[in-house]
Amino acid sequence: ITSGGTTNYADSVKGRFTILRENTKNTVYLQMS
């Protein structure tokens, strides 16, 4: 995920994983389902 919020995913995880970013905390998350 870029600083502007643009995301990219590997084909193997598309639709199942979500990447999120909280800039104020310099934190990135990977939600996996």
PDB file of all heavy atoms in Angstrom:
ATOM      1  N   ILE A   1       0.852  -1.175   0.000  1.00  0.00           N
ATOM      2  CA  ILE A   1       0.000   0.000   0.000  1.00  0.00           C
ATOM      3  C   ILE A   1       0.890   1.228   0.000  1.00  0.00           C
ATOM      4  O   ILE A   1       1.855   1.321   0.752  1.00  0.00           O
ATOM      5  CB  ILE A   1      -0.975  -0.016   1.204  1.00  0.00           C
ATOM      6  CG1 ILE A   1      -1.919   1.182   1.148  1.00  0.00           C
ATOM      7  CG2 ILE A   1      -0.223  -0.078   2.528  1.00  0.00           C
ATOM      8  CD1 ILE A   1      -3.080   1.060   2.133  1.00  0.00           C
ATOM      9  N   THR A   2       0.576   2.181  -0.853  1.00  0.00           N
ATOM     10  CA  THR A   2       1.360   3.401  -0.952  1.00  0.00           C
ATOM     11  C   THR A   2       0.914   4.403   0.096  1.00  0.00           C
ATOM     12  O   THR A   2      -0.084   4.221   0.782  1.00  0.00           O
ATOM     13  CB  THR A   2       1.236   4.030  -2.342  1.00  0.00           C
ATOM     14  OG1 THR A   2      -0.096   4.544  -2.513  1.00  0.00           O
ATOM     15  CG2 THR A   2       1.519   3.010  -3.439  1.00  0.00           C
ATOM     16  N   SER A   3       1.661   5.487   0.194  1.00  0.00           N
ATOM     17  CA  SER A   3       1.307   6.540   1.132  1.00  0.00           C
ATOM     18  C   SER A   3      -0.040   7.167   0.810  1.00  0.00           C
ATOM     19  O   SER A   3      -0.704   7.700   1.705  1.00  0.00           O
ATOM     20  CB  SER A   3       2.391   7.625   1.145  1.00  0.00           C
ATOM     21  OG  SER A   3       2.568   8.182  -0.146  1.00  0.00           O
ATOM     22  N   GLY A   4      -0.454   7.104  -0.456  1.00  0.00           N
ATOM     23  CA  GLY A   4      -1.742   7.629  -0.867  1.00  0.00           C
ATOM     24  C   GLY A   4      -2.884   6.647  -0.774  1.00  0.00           C
ATOM     25  O   GLY A   4      -4.027   7.005  -1.072  1.00  0.00           O
ATOM     26  N   GLY A   5      -2.593   5.406  -0.382  1.00  0.00           N
ATOM     27  CA  GLY A   5      -3.633   4.416  -0.197  1.00  0.00           C
ATOM     28  C   GLY A   5      -3.847   3.465  -1.357  1.00  0.00           C
ATOM     29  O   GLY A   5      -4.760   2.633  -1.308  1.00  0.00           O
ATOM     30  N   THR A   6      -3.039   3.549  -2.400  1.00  0.00           N
ATOM     31  CA  THR A   6      -3.150   2.617  -3.516  1.00  0.00           C
ATOM     32  C   THR A   6      -2.627   1.248  -3.101  1.00  0.00           C
ATOM     33  O   THR A   6      -1.546   1.139  -2.529  1.00  0.00           O
ATOM     34  CB  THR A   6      -2.370   3.126  -4.727  1.00  0.00           C
ATOM     35  OG1 THR A   6      -2.889   4.399  -5.130  1.00  0.00           O
ATOM     36  CG2 THR A   6      -2.499   2.158  -5.897  1.00  0.00           C
ATOM     37  N   THR A   7      -3.391   0.206  -3.414  1.00  0.00           N
ATOM     38  CA  THR A   7      -3.029  -1.145  -2.996  1.00  0.00           C
ATOM     39  C   THR A   7      -2.759  -2.053  -4.180  1.00  0.00           C
ATOM     40  O   THR A   7      -3.273  -1.856  -5.283  1.00  0.00           O
ATOM     41  CB  THR A   7      -4.141  -1.768  -2.143  1.00  0.00           C
ATOM     42  OG1 THR A   7      -5.356  -1.807  -2.906  1.00  0.00           O
ATOM     43  CG2 THR A   7      -4.374  -0.957  -0.884  1.00  0.00           C
ATOM     44  N   ASN A   8      -1.946  -3.066  -3.931  1.00  0.00           N
ATOM     45  CA  ASN A   8      -1.673  -4.126  -4.882  1.00  0.00           C
ATOM     46  C   ASN A   8      -1.602  -5.441  -4.127  1.00  0.00           C
ATOM     47  O   ASN A   8      -1.109  -5.489  -3.005  1.00  0.00           O
ATOM     48  CB  ASN A   8      -0.362  -3.894  -5.630  1.00  0.00           C
ATOM     49  CG  ASN A   8      -0.383  -2.670  -6.506  1.00  0.00           C
ATOM     50  OD1 ASN A   8       0.015  -1.585  -6.086  1.00  0.00           O
ATOM     51  ND2 ASN A   8      -0.859  -2.834  -7.740  1.00  0.00           N
ATOM     52  N   TYR A   9      -2.077  -6.509  -4.776  1.00  0.00           N
ATOM     53  CA  TYR A   9      -2.107  -7.818  -4.157  1.00  0.00           C
ATOM     54  C   TYR A   9      -1.581  -8.876  -5.105  1.00  0.00           C
ATOM     55  O   TYR A   9      -1.755  -8.784  -6.321  1.00  0.00           O
ATOM     56  CB  TYR A   9      -3.531  -8.212  -3.760  1.00  0.00           C
ATOM     57  CG  TYR A   9      -4.172  -7.314  -2.736  1.00  0.00           C
ATOM     58  CD1 TYR A   9      -4.946  -6.234  -3.128  1.00  0.00           C
ATOM     59  CD2 TYR A   9      -4.008  -7.555  -1.377  1.00  0.00           C
ATOM     60  CE1 TYR A   9      -5.540  -5.407  -2.190  1.00  0.00           C
ATOM     61  CE2 TYR A   9      -4.602  -6.739  -0.435  1.00  0.00           C
ATOM     62  CZ  TYR A   9      -5.367  -5.663  -0.847  1.00  0.00           C
ATOM     63  OH  TYR A   9      -5.959  -4.850   0.086  1.00  0.00           O
ATOM     64  N   ALA A  10      -0.970  -9.896  -4.536  1.00  0.00           N
ATOM     65  CA  ALA A  10      -0.644 -11.076  -5.310  1.00  0.00           C
ATOM     66  C   ALA A  10      -1.931 -11.791  -5.700  1.00  0.00           C
ATOM     67  O   ALA A  10      -2.921 -11.766  -4.964  1.00  0.00           O
ATOM     68  CB  ALA A  10       0.244 -12.018  -4.498  1.00  0.00           C
ATOM     69  N   ASP A  11      -1.924 -12.426  -6.864  1.00  0.00           N
ATOM     70  CA  ASP A  11      -3.120 -13.118  -7.328  1.00  0.00           C
ATOM     71  C   ASP A  11      -3.600 -14.172  -6.333  1.00  0.00           C
ATOM     72  O   ASP A  11      -4.802 -14.407  -6.192  1.00  0.00           O
ATOM     73  CB  ASP A  11      -2.861 -13.775  -8.680  1.00  0.00           C
ATOM     74  CG  ASP A  11      -2.752 -12.772  -9.808  1.00  0.00           C
ATOM     75  OD1 ASP A  11      -3.220 -11.633  -9.643  1.00  0.00           O
ATOM     76  OD2 ASP A  11      -2.199 -13.130 -10.862  1.00  0.00           O
ATOM     77  N   SER A  12      -2.686 -14.790  -5.641  1.00  0.00           N
ATOM     78  CA  SER A  12      -3.026 -15.870  -4.735  1.00  0.00           C
ATOM     79  C   SER A  12      -3.821 -15.420  -3.512  1.00  0.00           C
ATOM     80  O   SER A  12      -4.439 -16.248  -2.842  1.00  0.00           O
ATOM     81  CB  SER A  12      -1.758 -16.597  -4.275  1.00  0.00           C
ATOM     82  OG  SER A  12      -0.875 -15.698  -3.628  1.00  0.00           O
ATOM     83  N   VAL A  13      -3.813 -14.121  -3.224  1.00  0.00           N
ATOM     84  CA  VAL A  13      -4.504 -13.631  -2.032  1.00  0.00           C
ATOM     85  C   VAL A  13      -5.617 -12.648  -2.348  1.00  0.00           C
ATOM     86  O   VAL A  13      -6.326 -12.211  -1.424  1.00  0.00           O
ATOM     87  CB  VAL A  13      -3.517 -12.985  -1.035  1.00  0.00           C
ATOM     88  CG1 VAL A  13      -2.390 -13.948  -0.706  1.00  0.00           C
ATOM     89  CG2 VAL A  13      -2.963 -11.674  -1.594  1.00  0.00           C
ATOM     90  N   LYS A  14      -5.808 -12.302  -3.590  1.00  0.00           N
ATOM     91  CA  LYS A  14      -6.854 -11.354  -3.966  1.00  0.00           C
ATOM     92  C   LYS A  14      -8.227 -11.858  -3.538  1.00  0.00           C
ATOM     93  O   LYS A  14      -8.567 -13.022  -3.727  1.00  0.00           O
ATOM     94  CB  LYS A  14      -6.845 -11.118  -5.476  1.00  0.00           C
ATOM     95  CG  LYS A  14      -5.701 -10.254  -5.963  1.00  0.00           C
ATOM     96  CD  LYS A  14      -5.779 -10.045  -7.468  1.00  0.00           C
ATOM     97  CE  LYS A  14      -4.645  -9.171  -7.959  1.00  0.00           C
ATOM     98  NZ  LYS A  14      -4.681  -9.004  -9.429  1.00  0.00           N
ATOM     99  N   GLY A  15      -8.996 -10.965  -2.950  1.00  0.00           N
ATOM    100  CA  GLY A  15     -10.321 -11.313  -2.474  1.00  0.00           C
ATOM    101  C   GLY A  15     -10.347 -11.906  -1.090  1.00  0.00           C
ATOM    102  O   GLY A  15     -11.424 -12.038  -0.496  1.00  0.00           O
ATOM    103  N   ARG A  16      -9.191 -12.268  -0.562  1.00  0.00           N
ATOM    104  CA  ARG A  16      -9.107 -12.870   0.765  1.00  0.00           C
ATOM    105  C   ARG A  16      -8.332 -12.004   1.756  1.00  0.00           C
ATOM    106  O   ARG A  16      -8.635 -12.003   2.945  1.00  0.00           O
ATOM    107  CB  ARG A  16      -8.457 -14.251   0.692  1.00  0.00           C
ATOM    108  CG  ARG A  16      -9.212 -15.234  -0.195  1.00  0.00           C
ATOM    109  CD  ARG A  16      -8.636 -16.638  -0.088  1.00  0.00           C
ATOM    110  NE  ARG A  16      -7.240 -16.692  -0.510  1.00  0.00           N
ATOM    111  CZ  ARG A  16      -6.229 -17.034   0.277  1.00  0.00           C
ATOM    112  NH1 ARG A  16      -6.452 -17.382   1.548  1.00  0.00           N
ATOM    113  NH2 ARG A  16      -4.989 -17.072  -0.195  1.00  0.00           N
ATOM    114  N   PHE A  17      -7.327 -11.304   1.268  1.00  0.00           N
ATOM    115  CA  PHE A  17      -6.485 -10.458   2.119  1.00  0.00           C
ATOM    116  C   PHE A  17      -6.780  -8.995   1.839  1.00  0.00           C
ATOM    117  O   PHE A  17      -7.081  -8.605   0.702  1.00  0.00           O
ATOM    118  CB  PHE A  17      -5.003 -10.716   1.856  1.00  0.00           C
ATOM    119  CG  PHE A  17      -4.499 -12.056   2.315  1.00  0.00           C
ATOM    120  CD1 PHE A  17      -5.360 -13.070   2.698  1.00  0.00           C
ATOM    121  CD2 PHE A  17      -3.132 -12.293   2.351  1.00  0.00           C
ATOM    122  CE1 PHE A  17      -4.879 -14.301   3.106  1.00  0.00           C
ATOM    123  CE2 PHE A  17      -2.636 -13.516   2.758  1.00  0.00           C
ATOM    124  CZ  PHE A  17      -3.508 -14.523   3.139  1.00  0.00           C
ATOM    125  N   THR A  18      -6.661  -8.181   2.866  1.00  0.00           N
ATOM    126  CA  THR A  18      -6.799  -6.738   2.741  1.00  0.00           C
ATOM    127  C   THR A  18      -5.660  -6.053   3.471  1.00  0.00           C
ATOM    128  O   THR A  18      -5.395  -6.362   4.634  1.00  0.00           O
ATOM    129  CB  THR A  18      -8.138  -6.249   3.311  1.00  0.00           C
ATOM    130  OG1 THR A  18      -9.225  -6.875   2.618  1.00  0.00           O
ATOM    131  CG2 THR A  18      -8.269  -4.736   3.145  1.00  0.00           C
ATOM    132  N   ILE A  19      -4.990  -5.146   2.793  1.00  0.00           N
ATOM    133  CA  ILE A  19      -3.928  -4.384   3.423  1.00  0.00           C
ATOM    134  C   ILE A  19      -4.457  -2.996   3.769  1.00  0.00           C
ATOM    135  O   ILE A  19      -5.135  -2.353   2.968  1.00  0.00           O
ATOM    136  CB  ILE A  19      -2.673  -4.310   2.532  1.00  0.00           C
ATOM    137  CG1 ILE A  19      -1.510  -3.663   3.290  1.00  0.00           C
ATOM    138  CG2 ILE A  19      -2.946  -3.598   1.219  1.00  0.00           C
ATOM    139  CD1 ILE A  19      -0.168  -3.824   2.593  1.00  0.00           C
ATOM    140  N   LEU A  20      -4.159  -2.561   4.971  1.00  0.00           N
ATOM    141  CA  LEU A  20      -4.610  -1.278   5.480  1.00  0.00           C
ATOM    142  C   LEU A  20      -3.429  -0.519   6.059  1.00  0.00           C
ATOM    143  O   LEU A  20      -2.431  -1.117   6.449  1.00  0.00           O
ATOM    144  CB  LEU A  20      -5.686  -1.454   6.556  1.00  0.00           C
ATOM    145  CG  LEU A  20      -6.939  -2.230   6.178  1.00  0.00           C
ATOM    146  CD1 LEU A  20      -7.776  -2.505   7.420  1.00  0.00           C
ATOM    147  CD2 LEU A  20      -7.745  -1.459   5.150  1.00  0.00           C
ATOM    148  N   ARG A  21      -3.586   0.787   6.152  1.00  0.00           N
ATOM    149  CA  ARG A  21      -2.509   1.619   6.647  1.00  0.00           C
ATOM    150  C   ARG A  21      -3.061   2.703   7.552  1.00  0.00           C
ATOM    151  O   ARG A  21      -4.057   3.347   7.224  1.00  0.00           O
ATOM    152  CB  ARG A  21      -1.755   2.230   5.464  1.00  0.00           C
ATOM    153  CG  ARG A  21      -0.578   3.103   5.813  1.00  0.00           C
ATOM    154  CD  ARG A  21       0.222   3.377   4.553  1.00  0.00           C
ATOM    155  NE  ARG A  21       1.317   4.293   4.788  1.00  0.00           N
ATOM    156  CZ  ARG A  21       2.307   4.510   3.935  1.00  0.00           C
ATOM    157  NH1 ARG A  21       2.335   3.861   2.775  1.00  0.00           N
ATOM    158  NH2 ARG A  21       3.259   5.376   4.237  1.00  0.00           N
ATOM    159  N   GLU A  22      -2.405   2.901   8.683  1.00  0.00           N
ATOM    160  CA  GLU A  22      -2.750   3.965   9.604  1.00  0.00           C
ATOM    161  C   GLU A  22      -1.528   4.878   9.709  1.00  0.00           C
ATOM    162  O   GLU A  22      -0.602   4.612  10.476  1.00  0.00           O
ATOM    163  CB  GLU A  22      -3.134   3.395  10.969  1.00  0.00           C
ATOM    164  CG  GLU A  22      -3.721   4.418  11.908  1.00  0.00           C
ATOM    165  CD  GLU A  22      -4.295   3.788  13.168  1.00  0.00           C
ATOM    166  OE1 GLU A  22      -4.241   2.557  13.305  1.00  0.00           O
ATOM    167  OE2 GLU A  22      -4.805   4.534  14.010  1.00  0.00           O
ATOM    168  N   ASN A  23      -1.539   5.938   8.942  1.00  0.00           N
ATOM    169  CA  ASN A  23      -0.352   6.772   8.802  1.00  0.00           C
ATOM    170  C   ASN A  23       0.049   7.479  10.092  1.00  0.00           C
ATOM    171  O   ASN A  23       1.238   7.699  10.333  1.00  0.00           O
ATOM    172  CB  ASN A  23      -0.562   7.808   7.696  1.00  0.00           C
ATOM    173  CG  ASN A  23      -0.595   7.185   6.318  1.00  0.00           C
ATOM    174  OD1 ASN A  23       0.071   6.187   6.060  1.00  0.00           O
ATOM    175  ND2 ASN A  23      -1.369   7.777   5.414  1.00  0.00           N
ATOM    176  N   THR A  24      -0.923   7.852  10.903  1.00  0.00           N
ATOM    177  CA  THR A  24      -0.600   8.561  12.131  1.00  0.00           C
ATOM    178  C   THR A  24       0.190   7.705  13.103  1.00  0.00           C
ATOM    179  O   THR A  24       0.862   8.225  13.986  1.00  0.00           O
ATOM    180  CB  THR A  24      -1.864   9.072  12.819  1.00  0.00           C
ATOM    181  OG1 THR A  24      -2.752   7.977  13.076  1.00  0.00           O
ATOM    182  CG2 THR A  24      -2.575  10.091  11.939  1.00  0.00           C
ATOM    183  N   LYS A  25       0.103   6.397  12.941  1.00  0.00           N
ATOM    184  CA  LYS A  25       0.830   5.468  13.800  1.00  0.00           C
ATOM    185  C   LYS A  25       1.934   4.725  13.061  1.00  0.00           C
ATOM    186  O   LYS A  25       2.549   3.827  13.635  1.00  0.00           O
ATOM    187  CB  LYS A  25      -0.130   4.458  14.422  1.00  0.00           C
ATOM    188  CG  LYS A  25      -1.140   5.074  15.379  1.00  0.00           C
ATOM    189  CD  LYS A  25      -1.994   4.001  16.038  1.00  0.00           C
ATOM    190  CE  LYS A  25      -2.944   4.604  17.052  1.00  0.00           C
ATOM    191  NZ  LYS A  25      -3.774   3.563  17.718  1.00  0.00           N
ATOM    192  N   ASN A  26       2.182   5.091  11.806  1.00  0.00           N
ATOM    193  CA  ASN A  26       3.187   4.415  10.983  1.00  0.00           C
ATOM    194  C   ASN A  26       2.986   2.905  10.995  1.00  0.00           C
ATOM    195  O   ASN A  26       3.940   2.137  11.124  1.00  0.00           O
ATOM    196  CB  ASN A  26       4.599   4.771  11.457  1.00  0.00           C
ATOM    197  CG  ASN A  26       4.941   6.227  11.245  1.00  0.00           C
ATOM    198  OD1 ASN A  26       4.409   6.880  10.345  1.00  0.00           O
ATOM    199  ND2 ASN A  26       5.835   6.752  12.055  1.00  0.00           N
ATOM    200  N   THR A  27       1.751   2.504  10.847  1.00  0.00           N
ATOM    201  CA  THR A  27       1.389   1.104  10.990  1.00  0.00           C
ATOM    202  C   THR A  27       0.699   0.581   9.737  1.00  0.00           C
ATOM    203  O   THR A  27      -0.129   1.275   9.141  1.00  0.00           O
ATOM    204  CB  THR A  27       0.464   0.903  12.196  1.00  0.00           C
ATOM    205  OG1 THR A  27       1.125   1.354  13.379  1.00  0.00           O
ATOM    206  CG2 THR A  27       0.100  -0.562  12.364  1.00  0.00           C
ATOM    207  N   VAL A  28       1.040  -0.637   9.358  1.00  0.00           N
ATOM    208  CA  VAL A  28       0.376  -1.320   8.264  1.00  0.00           C
ATOM    209  C   VAL A  28      -0.196  -2.626   8.802  1.00  0.00           C
ATOM    210  O   VAL A  28       0.401  -3.279   9.664  1.00  0.00           O
ATOM    211  CB  VAL A  28       1.331  -1.577   7.081  1.00  0.00           C
ATOM    212  CG1 VAL A  28       2.466  -2.515   7.477  1.00  0.00           C
ATOM    213  CG2 VAL A  28       0.569  -2.125   5.880  1.00  0.00           C
ATOM    214  N   TYR A  29      -1.369  -2.992   8.295  1.00  0.00           N
ATOM    215  CA  TYR A  29      -2.051  -4.198   8.711  1.00  0.00           C
ATOM    216  C   TYR A  29      -2.280  -5.104   7.508  1.00  0.00           C
ATOM    217  O   TYR A  29      -2.455  -4.638   6.392  1.00  0.00           O
ATOM    218  CB  TYR A  29      -3.407  -3.887   9.341  1.00  0.00           C
ATOM    219  CG  TYR A  29      -3.361  -2.905  10.483  1.00  0.00           C
ATOM    220  CD1 TYR A  29      -3.524  -1.542  10.253  1.00  0.00           C
ATOM    221  CD2 TYR A  29      -3.160  -3.335  11.790  1.00  0.00           C
ATOM    222  CE1 TYR A  29      -3.488  -0.634  11.292  1.00  0.00           C
ATOM    223  CE2 TYR A  29      -3.128  -2.433  12.834  1.00  0.00           C
ATOM    224  CZ  TYR A  29      -3.292  -1.084  12.585  1.00  0.00           C
ATOM    225  OH  TYR A  29      -3.257  -0.190  13.623  1.00  0.00           O
ATOM    226  N   LEU A  30      -2.324  -6.381   7.765  1.00  0.00           N
ATOM    227  CA  LEU A  30      -2.724  -7.348   6.758  1.00  0.00           C
ATOM    228  C   LEU A  30      -3.853  -8.185   7.343  1.00  0.00           C
ATOM    229  O   LEU A  30      -3.619  -9.028   8.212  1.00  0.00           O
ATOM    230  CB  LEU A  30      -1.561  -8.247   6.344  1.00  0.00           C
ATOM    231  CG  LEU A  30      -1.851  -9.213   5.194  1.00  0.00           C
ATOM    232  CD1 LEU A  30      -2.091  -8.444   3.895  1.00  0.00           C
ATOM    233  CD2 LEU A  30      -0.709 -10.209   5.015  1.00  0.00           C
ATOM    234  N   GLN A  31      -5.067  -7.930   6.881  1.00  0.00           N
ATOM    235  CA  GLN A  31      -6.229  -8.684   7.302  1.00  0.00           C
ATOM    236  C   GLN A  31      -6.365  -9.892   6.392  1.00  0.00           C
ATOM    237  O   GLN A  31      -6.520  -9.741   5.183  1.00  0.00           O
ATOM    238  CB  GLN A  31      -7.488  -7.829   7.244  1.00  0.00           C
ATOM    239  CG  GLN A  31      -7.474  -6.638   8.189  1.00  0.00           C
ATOM    240  CD  GLN A  31      -8.727  -5.797   8.077  1.00  0.00           C
ATOM    241  OE1 GLN A  31      -9.379  -5.742   7.037  1.00  0.00           O
ATOM    242  NE2 GLN A  31      -9.079  -5.119   9.167  1.00  0.00           N
ATOM    243  N   MET A  32      -6.332 -11.065   6.975  1.00  0.00           N
ATOM    244  CA  MET A  32      -6.363 -12.303   6.218  1.00  0.00           C
ATOM    245  C   MET A  32      -7.607 -13.091   6.595  1.00  0.00           C
ATOM    246  O   MET A  32      -7.869 -13.313   7.775  1.00  0.00           O
ATOM    247  CB  MET A  32      -5.111 -13.137   6.495  1.00  0.00           C
ATOM    248  CG  MET A  32      -3.808 -12.398   6.226  1.00  0.00           C
ATOM    249  SD  MET A  32      -2.353 -13.443   6.512  1.00  0.00           S
ATOM    250  CE  MET A  32      -2.475 -13.676   8.288  1.00  0.00           C
ATOM    251  N   SER A  33      -8.351 -13.520   5.596  1.00  0.00           N
ATOM    252  CA  SER A  33      -9.539 -14.319   5.812  1.00  0.00           C
ATOM    253  C   SER A  33      -9.558 -15.481   4.829  1.00  0.00           C
ATOM    254  O   SER A  33      -8.771 -15.522   3.884  1.00  0.00           O
ATOM    255  CB  SER A  33     -10.808 -13.468   5.665  1.00  0.00           C
ATOM    256  OG  SER A  33     -10.925 -12.946   4.354  1.00  0.00           O
TER     257      SER A  33
END
